[in-house]
Amino acid sequence: MLEINHLSKSFKLNRKQKKQQGVNEVFAVKNINLKLGTNQIVAMIGSNGAGKSTILRLLTGLLIPTVGTIKINGVNILEDLNATRAQIGFVSDNTQLYHRLTVRENLTFFAKLYKMQDSDIKQRIKELSQSMQFDDFLDKKINDCSTGMQQKTNIARALIHSPTLLILDEPTSGLDIKAAQTALKIIKAQKNENSLVLFSTHHLHEVETLADHIVAIEQGQCVFSGTPNEFTAFFKADSLYQAALNCVNNSTVN
């Protein structure tokens, strides 16, 4: 479903940075190779600055790889960006909603960007509002919604067109306990929608609650890909927390 081959992304340095570091560019992501299928939830973990957000933005087409290919359902995203983007739902802390519009109006607007028909939009909003339980604020302006309501709307926006790949970059960041719990329930429900859910997080309890598969990124490279049990065994730990510590402290990246 998602196939990543030799994926790398470098950024050119300015004159001051070149002088300080002695190089013309730095690699945020280096030679990532992954194959992930549907009906699973994949957690991407790693230190701050490890390259997780860069990888997720490469997958959406927001960034263009320096080297490598990304295929979604067999289609190279660089060869048909519009077609592949139509299969992706993306949520990050930078994703913005229109605050003067209601929840319903926001969802309708984004659905029309995906060229959905009016009748399909109404039905899809009805389905999402019922399953995600936001009927009570569907006609409230985003300005008047709590942070939790806004994040729930953001996730609904990403799901409006029934994507096969849902990408979430730290989806519970800034949420209180109740709002975060609601977001996790919504994410978990997507496993049964014949889709692949890929999310990044620093919260290991979210990994324990949701993940069927873990991808660990350190220094821009993939240092592990496998099940949670394989993760703890690989890093010789008796808990996910200790395995994550061992991963950060002991991973040697060439």
C-alpha atoms as a PDB file:
ATOM      1  CA  MET A   1       0.000   0.000   0.000  1.00  0.00           C
ATOM      2  CA  LEU A   2       2.789   2.414   1.015  1.00  0.00           C
ATOM      3  CA  GLU A   3       6.221   1.716  -0.426  1.00  0.00           C
ATOM      4  CA  ILE A   4       9.221   3.942   0.305  1.00  0.00           C
ATOM      5  CA  ASN A   5      12.505   3.299  -1.486  1.00  0.00           C
ATOM      6  CA  HIS A   6      15.863   5.006  -0.789  1.00  0.00           C
ATOM      7  CA  LEU A   7      14.104   8.150   0.413  1.00  0.00           C
ATOM      8  CA  SER A   8      16.418  11.062   1.266  1.00  0.00           C
ATOM      9  CA  LYS A   9      15.888  14.783   1.760  1.00  0.00           C
ATOM     10  CA  SER A  10      18.637  17.388   2.057  1.00  0.00           C
ATOM     11  CA  PHE A  11      18.435  21.110   2.727  1.00  0.00           C
ATOM     12  CA  LYS A  12      20.928  23.665   1.483  1.00  0.00           C
ATOM     13  CA  LEU A  13      22.645  25.797   4.120  1.00  0.00           C
ATOM     14  CA  ASN A  14      23.048  29.555   4.083  1.00  0.00           C
ATOM     15  CA  ARG A  15      26.518  31.157   3.973  1.00  0.00           C
ATOM     16  CA  LYS A  16      26.840  31.399   7.766  1.00  0.00           C
ATOM     17  CA  GLN A  17      25.750  27.807   8.292  1.00  0.00           C
ATOM     18  CA  LYS A  18      28.132  26.573   5.584  1.00  0.00           C
ATOM     19  CA  LYS A  19      30.989  28.296   7.348  1.00  0.00           C
ATOM     20  CA  GLN A  20      30.024  26.900  10.754  1.00  0.00           C
ATOM     21  CA  GLN A  21      29.420  23.334   9.592  1.00  0.00           C
ATOM     22  CA  GLY A  22      31.861  23.046   6.717  1.00  0.00           C
ATOM     23  CA  VAL A  23      29.276  21.541   4.342  1.00  0.00           C
ATOM     24  CA  ASN A  24      26.893  22.907   1.712  1.00  0.00           C
ATOM     25  CA  GLU A  25      23.841  20.887   2.728  1.00  0.00           C
ATOM     26  CA  VAL A  26      22.506  18.666   5.498  1.00  0.00           C
ATOM     27  CA  PHE A  27      20.373  15.552   5.198  1.00  0.00           C
ATOM     28  CA  ALA A  28      17.239  15.555   7.340  1.00  0.00           C
ATOM     29  CA  VAL A  29      16.276  12.115   5.991  1.00  0.00           C
ATOM     30  CA  LYS A  30      18.691   9.474   4.720  1.00  0.00           C
ATOM     31  CA  ASN A  31      17.910   6.359   2.687  1.00  0.00           C
ATOM     32  CA  ILE A  32      14.561   5.334   4.211  1.00  0.00           C
ATOM     33  CA  ASN A  33      13.127   2.029   2.973  1.00  0.00           C
ATOM     34  CA  LEU A  34       9.701   0.882   4.188  1.00  0.00           C
ATOM     35  CA  LYS A  35       6.742  -1.225   3.103  1.00  0.00           C
ATOM     36  CA  LEU A  36       3.478  -0.829   5.021  1.00  0.00           C
ATOM     37  CA  GLY A  37       0.077  -2.378   4.318  1.00  0.00           C
ATOM     38  CA  THR A  38      -3.540  -1.501   5.058  1.00  0.00           C
ATOM     39  CA  ASN A  39      -5.624  -2.269   8.151  1.00  0.00           C
ATOM     40  CA  GLN A  40      -2.877  -1.320  10.550  1.00  0.00           C
ATOM     41  CA  ILE A  41      -1.838   1.597  12.728  1.00  0.00           C
ATOM     42  CA  VAL A  42       1.820   2.530  12.531  1.00  0.00           C
ATOM     43  CA  ALA A  43       3.538   4.693  15.150  1.00  0.00           C
ATOM     44  CA  MET A  44       6.599   6.670  14.130  1.00  0.00           C
ATOM     45  CA  ILE A  45       8.801   7.488  17.101  1.00  0.00           C
ATOM     46  CA  GLY A  46      12.171   9.158  17.608  1.00  0.00           C
ATOM     47  CA  SER A  47      13.988  12.067  19.212  1.00  0.00           C
ATOM     48  CA  ASN A  48      13.182  15.707  18.503  1.00  0.00           C
ATOM     49  CA  GLY A  49      14.809  16.588  15.185  1.00  0.00           C
ATOM     50  CA  ALA A  50      15.151  12.930  14.177  1.00  0.00           C
ATOM     51  CA  GLY A  51      13.345  13.564  10.873  1.00  0.00           C
ATOM     52  CA  LYS A  52       9.828  12.288  11.597  1.00  0.00           C
ATOM     53  CA  SER A  53       7.931  15.392  10.475  1.00  0.00           C
ATOM     54  CA  THR A  54      10.108  15.689   7.365  1.00  0.00           C
ATOM     55  CA  ILE A  55       9.241  12.104   6.394  1.00  0.00           C
ATOM     56  CA  LEU A  56       5.518  12.698   6.915  1.00  0.00           C
ATOM     57  CA  ARG A  57       5.617  15.837   4.774  1.00  0.00           C
ATOM     58  CA  LEU A  58       7.481  13.964   2.064  1.00  0.00           C
ATOM     59  CA  LEU A  59       4.712  11.351   2.077  1.00  0.00           C
ATOM     60  CA  THR A  60       2.064  14.010   1.504  1.00  0.00           C
ATOM     61  CA  GLY A  61       3.955  15.730  -1.299  1.00  0.00           C
ATOM     62  CA  LEU A  62       4.424  18.911   0.731  1.00  0.00           C
ATOM     63  CA  LEU A  63       8.176  18.321   0.378  1.00  0.00           C
ATOM     64  CA  ILE A  64       9.910  16.862  -2.673  1.00  0.00           C
ATOM     65  CA  PRO A  65      12.537  14.153  -2.065  1.00  0.00           C
ATOM     66  CA  THR A  66      16.154  14.823  -2.978  1.00  0.00           C
ATOM     67  CA  VAL A  67      16.503  11.110  -3.782  1.00  0.00           C
ATOM     68  CA  GLY A  68      14.120   8.154  -3.745  1.00  0.00           C
ATOM     69  CA  THR A  69      10.533   7.233  -4.502  1.00  0.00           C
ATOM     70  CA  ILE A  70       7.251   7.044  -2.621  1.00  0.00           C
ATOM     71  CA  LYS A  71       4.418   4.885  -3.953  1.00  0.00           C
ATOM     72  CA  ILE A  72       0.846   4.789  -2.675  1.00  0.00           C
ATOM     73  CA  ASN A  73      -1.119   1.834  -3.997  1.00  0.00           C
ATOM     74  CA  GLY A  74       1.543   1.410  -6.653  1.00  0.00           C
ATOM     75  CA  VAL A  75       1.461   5.012  -7.895  1.00  0.00           C
ATOM     76  CA  ASN A  76       4.579   7.183  -7.586  1.00  0.00           C
ATOM     77  CA  ILE A  77       3.478  10.406  -5.901  1.00  0.00           C
ATOM     78  CA  LEU A  78       5.859  12.520  -7.991  1.00  0.00           C
ATOM     79  CA  GLU A  79       4.378  11.151 -11.208  1.00  0.00           C
ATOM     80  CA  ASP A  80       0.765  11.821 -10.223  1.00  0.00           C
ATOM     81  CA  LEU A  81       0.663  14.100  -7.201  1.00  0.00           C
ATOM     82  CA  ASN A  82      -3.022  15.024  -7.535  1.00  0.00           C
ATOM     83  CA  ALA A  83      -4.153  11.399  -7.703  1.00  0.00           C
ATOM     84  CA  THR A  84      -2.072  10.320  -4.726  1.00  0.00           C
ATOM     85  CA  ARG A  85      -3.029  13.340  -2.614  1.00  0.00           C
ATOM     86  CA  ALA A  86      -6.664  12.367  -3.118  1.00  0.00           C
ATOM     87  CA  GLN A  87      -5.858   9.157  -1.237  1.00  0.00           C
ATOM     88  CA  ILE A  88      -4.219  10.934   1.712  1.00  0.00           C
ATOM     89  CA  GLY A  89      -5.636  12.608   4.809  1.00  0.00           C
ATOM     90  CA  PHE A  90      -3.150  14.748   6.747  1.00  0.00           C
ATOM     91  CA  VAL A  91      -3.293  16.330  10.195  1.00  0.00           C
ATOM     92  CA  SER A  92      -0.530  18.369  11.832  1.00  0.00           C
ATOM     93  CA  ASP A  93      -0.283  21.178  14.361  1.00  0.00           C
ATOM     94  CA  ASN A  94       0.108  23.564  11.404  1.00  0.00           C
ATOM     95  CA  THR A  95      -3.109  22.481   9.716  1.00  0.00           C
ATOM     96  CA  GLN A  96      -5.496  25.431   9.768  1.00  0.00           C
ATOM     97  CA  LEU A  97      -9.278  25.650   9.714  1.00  0.00           C
ATOM     98  CA  TYR A  98     -11.311  28.697   8.703  1.00  0.00           C
ATOM     99  CA  HIS A  99     -12.262  30.210  12.053  1.00  0.00           C
ATOM    100  CA  ARG A 100     -15.133  32.344  10.775  1.00  0.00           C
ATOM    101  CA  LEU A 101     -16.839  29.312   9.269  1.00  0.00           C
ATOM    102  CA  THR A 102     -18.794  26.655  11.131  1.00  0.00           C
ATOM    103  CA  VAL A 103     -17.608  23.074  11.493  1.00  0.00           C
ATOM    104  CA  ARG A 104     -20.080  22.013   8.783  1.00  0.00           C
ATOM    105  CA  GLU A 105     -18.945  24.799   6.441  1.00  0.00           C
ATOM    106  CA  ASN A 106     -15.288  23.874   6.927  1.00  0.00           C
ATOM    107  CA  LEU A 107     -15.928  20.221   6.167  1.00  0.00           C
ATOM    108  CA  THR A 108     -18.037  21.126   3.129  1.00  0.00           C
ATOM    109  CA  PHE A 109     -15.335  23.436   1.786  1.00  0.00           C
ATOM    110  CA  PHE A 110     -12.572  20.831   2.059  1.00  0.00           C
ATOM    111  CA  ALA A 111     -14.812  18.126   0.608  1.00  0.00           C
ATOM    112  CA  LYS A 112     -15.408  20.294  -2.453  1.00  0.00           C
ATOM    113  CA  LEU A 113     -11.649  20.640  -2.898  1.00  0.00           C
ATOM    114  CA  TYR A 114     -11.689  16.868  -3.410  1.00  0.00           C
ATOM    115  CA  LYS A 115     -14.474  17.356  -5.981  1.00  0.00           C
ATOM    116  CA  MET A 116     -17.057  15.470  -3.927  1.00  0.00           C
ATOM    117  CA  GLN A 117     -20.716  15.819  -4.941  1.00  0.00           C
ATOM    118  CA  ASP A 118     -23.093  17.767  -2.676  1.00  0.00           C
ATOM    119  CA  SER A 119     -25.191  14.699  -1.831  1.00  0.00           C
ATOM    120  CA  ASP A 120     -22.072  12.698  -0.966  1.00  0.00           C
ATOM    121  CA  ILE A 121     -20.749  15.560   1.166  1.00  0.00           C
ATOM    122  CA  LYS A 122     -23.933  15.755   3.226  1.00  0.00           C
ATOM    123  CA  GLN A 123     -23.941  11.994   3.758  1.00  0.00           C
ATOM    124  CA  ARG A 124     -20.248  11.901   4.683  1.00  0.00           C
ATOM    125  CA  ILE A 125     -20.605  14.780   7.185  1.00  0.00           C
ATOM    126  CA  LYS A 126     -23.563  12.972   8.733  1.00  0.00           C
ATOM    127  CA  GLU A 127     -21.523   9.758   9.044  1.00  0.00           C
ATOM    128  CA  LEU A 128     -18.531  11.518  10.580  1.00  0.00           C
ATOM    129  CA  SER A 129     -20.560  13.663  12.974  1.00  0.00           C
ATOM    130  CA  GLN A 130     -22.321  10.555  14.279  1.00  0.00           C
ATOM    131  CA  SER A 131     -19.267   8.314  14.544  1.00  0.00           C
ATOM    132  CA  MET A 132     -17.056  11.068  15.992  1.00  0.00           C
ATOM    133  CA  GLN A 133     -19.840  12.566  18.108  1.00  0.00           C
ATOM    134  CA  PHE A 134     -19.781  16.201  17.110  1.00  0.00           C
ATOM    135  CA  ASP A 135     -23.457  16.689  16.173  1.00  0.00           C
ATOM    136  CA  ASP A 136     -23.794  19.173  19.027  1.00  0.00           C
ATOM    137  CA  PHE A 137     -21.256  21.635  17.594  1.00  0.00           C
ATOM    138  CA  LEU A 138     -21.619  20.966  13.861  1.00  0.00           C
ATOM    139  CA  ASP A 139     -23.059  24.436  13.271  1.00  0.00           C
ATOM    140  CA  LYS A 140     -20.795  26.275  15.694  1.00  0.00           C
ATOM    141  CA  LYS A 141     -18.094  28.567  14.318  1.00  0.00           C
ATOM    142  CA  ILE A 142     -14.533  27.326  14.766  1.00  0.00           C
ATOM    143  CA  ASN A 143     -13.770  30.518  16.724  1.00  0.00           C
ATOM    144  CA  ASP A 144     -16.264  29.365  19.342  1.00  0.00           C
ATOM    145  CA  CYS A 145     -14.989  25.783  19.541  1.00  0.00           C
ATOM    146  CA  SER A 146     -12.650  24.447  22.196  1.00  0.00           C
ATOM    147  CA  THR A 147      -9.195  23.128  21.271  1.00  0.00           C
ATOM    148  CA  GLY A 148     -10.538  19.570  21.490  1.00  0.00           C
ATOM    149  CA  MET A 149     -13.483  20.398  19.218  1.00  0.00           C
ATOM    150  CA  GLN A 150     -11.129  21.998  16.710  1.00  0.00           C
ATOM    151  CA  GLN A 151      -8.831  18.974  16.668  1.00  0.00           C
ATOM    152  CA  LYS A 152     -11.819  16.672  16.218  1.00  0.00           C
ATOM    153  CA  THR A 153     -12.898  18.834  13.281  1.00  0.00           C
ATOM    154  CA  ASN A 154      -9.368  18.725  11.883  1.00  0.00           C
ATOM    155  CA  ILE A 155      -9.370  14.935  11.951  1.00  0.00           C
ATOM    156  CA  ALA A 156     -12.829  14.892  10.348  1.00  0.00           C
ATOM    157  CA  ARG A 157     -11.471  17.226   7.646  1.00  0.00           C
ATOM    158  CA  ALA A 158      -8.707  14.725   6.938  1.00  0.00           C
ATOM    159  CA  LEU A 159     -11.250  11.897   6.742  1.00  0.00           C
ATOM    160  CA  ILE A 160     -13.935  13.684   4.715  1.00  0.00           C
ATOM    161  CA  HIS A 161     -12.871  12.097   1.406  1.00  0.00           C
ATOM    162  CA  SER A 162     -12.353   8.574   2.875  1.00  0.00           C
ATOM    163  CA  PRO A 163      -8.566   8.429   2.355  1.00  0.00           C
ATOM    164  CA  THR A 164      -6.703   5.129   2.221  1.00  0.00           C
ATOM    165  CA  LEU A 165      -3.698   6.683   4.004  1.00  0.00           C
ATOM    166  CA  LEU A 166      -4.228   8.815   7.114  1.00  0.00           C
ATOM    167  CA  ILE A 167      -1.117  10.685   8.308  1.00  0.00           C
ATOM    168  CA  LEU A 168      -1.100  12.408  11.690  1.00  0.00           C
ATOM    169  CA  ASP A 169       1.866  14.412  12.951  1.00  0.00           C
ATOM    170  CA  GLU A 170       1.579  14.434  16.777  1.00  0.00           C
ATOM    171  CA  PRO A 171      -2.254  14.503  16.698  1.00  0.00           C
ATOM    172  CA  THR A 172      -2.701  14.959  20.474  1.00  0.00           C
ATOM    173  CA  SER A 173      -0.172  17.784  20.865  1.00  0.00           C
ATOM    174  CA  GLY A 174      -1.666  20.575  22.994  1.00  0.00           C
ATOM    175  CA  LEU A 175      -4.839  18.644  23.846  1.00  0.00           C
ATOM    176  CA  ASP A 176      -6.108  18.046  27.364  1.00  0.00           C
ATOM    177  CA  ILE A 177      -6.591  14.477  28.611  1.00  0.00           C
ATOM    178  CA  LYS A 178     -10.236  14.183  27.548  1.00  0.00           C
ATOM    179  CA  ALA A 179      -9.679  15.658  24.078  1.00  0.00           C
ATOM    180  CA  ALA A 180      -6.592  13.470  23.553  1.00  0.00           C
ATOM    181  CA  GLN A 181      -8.551  10.364  24.548  1.00  0.00           C
ATOM    182  CA  THR A 182     -11.256  11.248  22.019  1.00  0.00           C
ATOM    183  CA  ALA A 183      -8.652  11.753  19.273  1.00  0.00           C
ATOM    184  CA  LEU A 184      -7.088   8.353  20.044  1.00  0.00           C
ATOM    185  CA  LYS A 185     -10.482   6.622  19.847  1.00  0.00           C
ATOM    186  CA  ILE A 186     -11.101   8.184  16.436  1.00  0.00           C
ATOM    187  CA  ILE A 187      -7.685   7.088  15.194  1.00  0.00           C
ATOM    188  CA  LYS A 188      -8.184   3.550  16.491  1.00  0.00           C
ATOM    189  CA  ALA A 189     -11.514   3.258  14.671  1.00  0.00           C
ATOM    190  CA  GLN A 190      -9.793   3.895  11.328  1.00  0.00           C
ATOM    191  CA  LYS A 191      -8.024   0.531  11.520  1.00  0.00           C
ATOM    192  CA  ASN A 192     -11.268  -1.128  10.438  1.00  0.00           C
ATOM    193  CA  GLU A 193     -11.754   1.192   7.441  1.00  0.00           C
ATOM    194  CA  ASN A 194      -9.372  -0.645   5.067  1.00  0.00           C
ATOM    195  CA  SER A 195      -6.821   2.125   5.500  1.00  0.00           C
ATOM    196  CA  LEU A 196      -3.295   2.660   6.770  1.00  0.00           C
ATOM    197  CA  VAL A 197      -2.873   5.049   9.686  1.00  0.00           C
ATOM    198  CA  LEU A 198       0.608   6.501  10.233  1.00  0.00           C
ATOM    199  CA  PHE A 199       1.124   8.794  13.212  1.00  0.00           C
ATOM    200  CA  SER A 200       4.112  10.347  14.947  1.00  0.00           C
ATOM    201  CA  THR A 201       4.188  10.799  18.695  1.00  0.00           C
ATOM    202  CA  HIS A 202       6.398  11.318  21.725  1.00  0.00           C
ATOM    203  CA  HIS A 203       3.803   9.721  24.013  1.00  0.00           C
ATOM    204  CA  LEU A 204       4.576   6.029  24.464  1.00  0.00           C
ATOM    205  CA  HIS A 205       1.196   5.265  26.012  1.00  0.00           C
ATOM    206  CA  GLU A 206      -0.309   6.216  22.636  1.00  0.00           C
ATOM    207  CA  VAL A 207       1.999   3.712  20.958  1.00  0.00           C
ATOM    208  CA  GLU A 208       0.956   1.018  23.449  1.00  0.00           C
ATOM    209  CA  THR A 209      -2.730   1.850  22.979  1.00  0.00           C
ATOM    210  CA  LEU A 210      -2.812   2.089  19.188  1.00  0.00           C
ATOM    211  CA  ALA A 211       0.172   0.712  17.331  1.00  0.00           C
ATOM    212  CA  ASP A 212       0.363  -2.597  15.474  1.00  0.00           C
ATOM    213  CA  HIS A 213       3.708  -1.550  14.037  1.00  0.00           C
ATOM    214  CA  ILE A 214       6.528   0.767  15.126  1.00  0.00           C
ATOM    215  CA  VAL A 215       8.931   2.708  12.922  1.00  0.00           C
ATOM    216  CA  ALA A 216      11.840   4.250  14.847  1.00  0.00           C
ATOM    217  CA  ILE A 217      13.711   7.169  13.295  1.00  0.00           C
ATOM    218  CA  GLU A 218      17.019   8.488  14.580  1.00  0.00           C
ATOM    219  CA  GLN A 219      19.367  10.954  12.868  1.00  0.00           C
ATOM    220  CA  GLY A 220      17.226  10.854   9.744  1.00  0.00           C
ATOM    221  CA  GLN A 221      17.405   7.087   9.293  1.00  0.00           C
ATOM    222  CA  CYS A 222      15.092   4.195  10.027  1.00  0.00           C
ATOM    223  CA  VAL A 223      16.723   2.171  12.814  1.00  0.00           C
ATOM    224  CA  PHE A 224      13.785  -0.204  13.365  1.00  0.00           C
ATOM    225  CA  SER A 225      10.549  -1.333  11.717  1.00  0.00           C
ATOM    226  CA  GLY A 226       8.391  -4.058  13.235  1.00  0.00           C
ATOM    227  CA  THR A 227       5.783  -4.977  15.841  1.00  0.00           C
ATOM    228  CA  PRO A 228       5.854  -3.608  19.410  1.00  0.00           C
ATOM    229  CA  ASN A 229       6.998  -7.019  20.706  1.00  0.00           C
ATOM    230  CA  GLU A 230       9.785  -7.119  18.127  1.00  0.00           C
ATOM    231  CA  PHE A 231      10.753  -3.581  19.137  1.00  0.00           C
ATOM    232  CA  THR A 232      11.245  -4.467  22.805  1.00  0.00           C
ATOM    233  CA  ALA A 233      13.141  -7.646  21.864  1.00  0.00           C
ATOM    234  CA  PHE A 234      15.377  -5.852  19.359  1.00  0.00           C
ATOM    235  CA  PHE A 235      16.428  -3.262  21.915  1.00  0.00           C
ATOM    236  CA  LYS A 236      16.741  -5.869  24.697  1.00  0.00           C
ATOM    237  CA  ALA A 237      14.155  -4.364  27.006  1.00  0.00           C
ATOM    238  CA  ASP A 238      11.225  -5.618  29.072  1.00  0.00           C
ATOM    239  CA  SER A 239       9.022  -2.576  28.384  1.00  0.00           C
ATOM    240  CA  LEU A 240       8.243  -0.257  25.510  1.00  0.00           C
ATOM    241  CA  TYR A 241       9.533   2.689  27.534  1.00  0.00           C
ATOM    242  CA  GLN A 242      12.911   1.059  28.174  1.00  0.00           C
ATOM    243  CA  ALA A 243      13.151  -0.067  24.550  1.00  0.00           C
ATOM    244  CA  ALA A 244      12.557   3.507  23.403  1.00  0.00           C
ATOM    245  CA  LEU A 245      15.284   4.759  25.753  1.00  0.00           C
ATOM    246  CA  ASN A 246      17.679   2.111  24.475  1.00  0.00           C
ATOM    247  CA  CYS A 247      16.797   3.048  20.901  1.00  0.00           C
ATOM    248  CA  VAL A 248      17.622   6.729  21.503  1.00  0.00           C
ATOM    249  CA  ASN A 249      20.772   6.044  23.527  1.00  0.00           C
ATOM    250  CA  ASN A 250      22.255   3.136  21.634  1.00  0.00           C
ATOM    251  CA  SER A 251      21.267   3.521  17.965  1.00  0.00           C
ATOM    252  CA  THR A 252      24.337   3.877  15.791  1.00  0.00           C
ATOM    253  CA  VAL A 253      23.602   5.504  12.468  1.00  0.00           C
ATOM    254  CA  ASN A 254      26.204   5.590   9.724  1.00  0.00           C
END
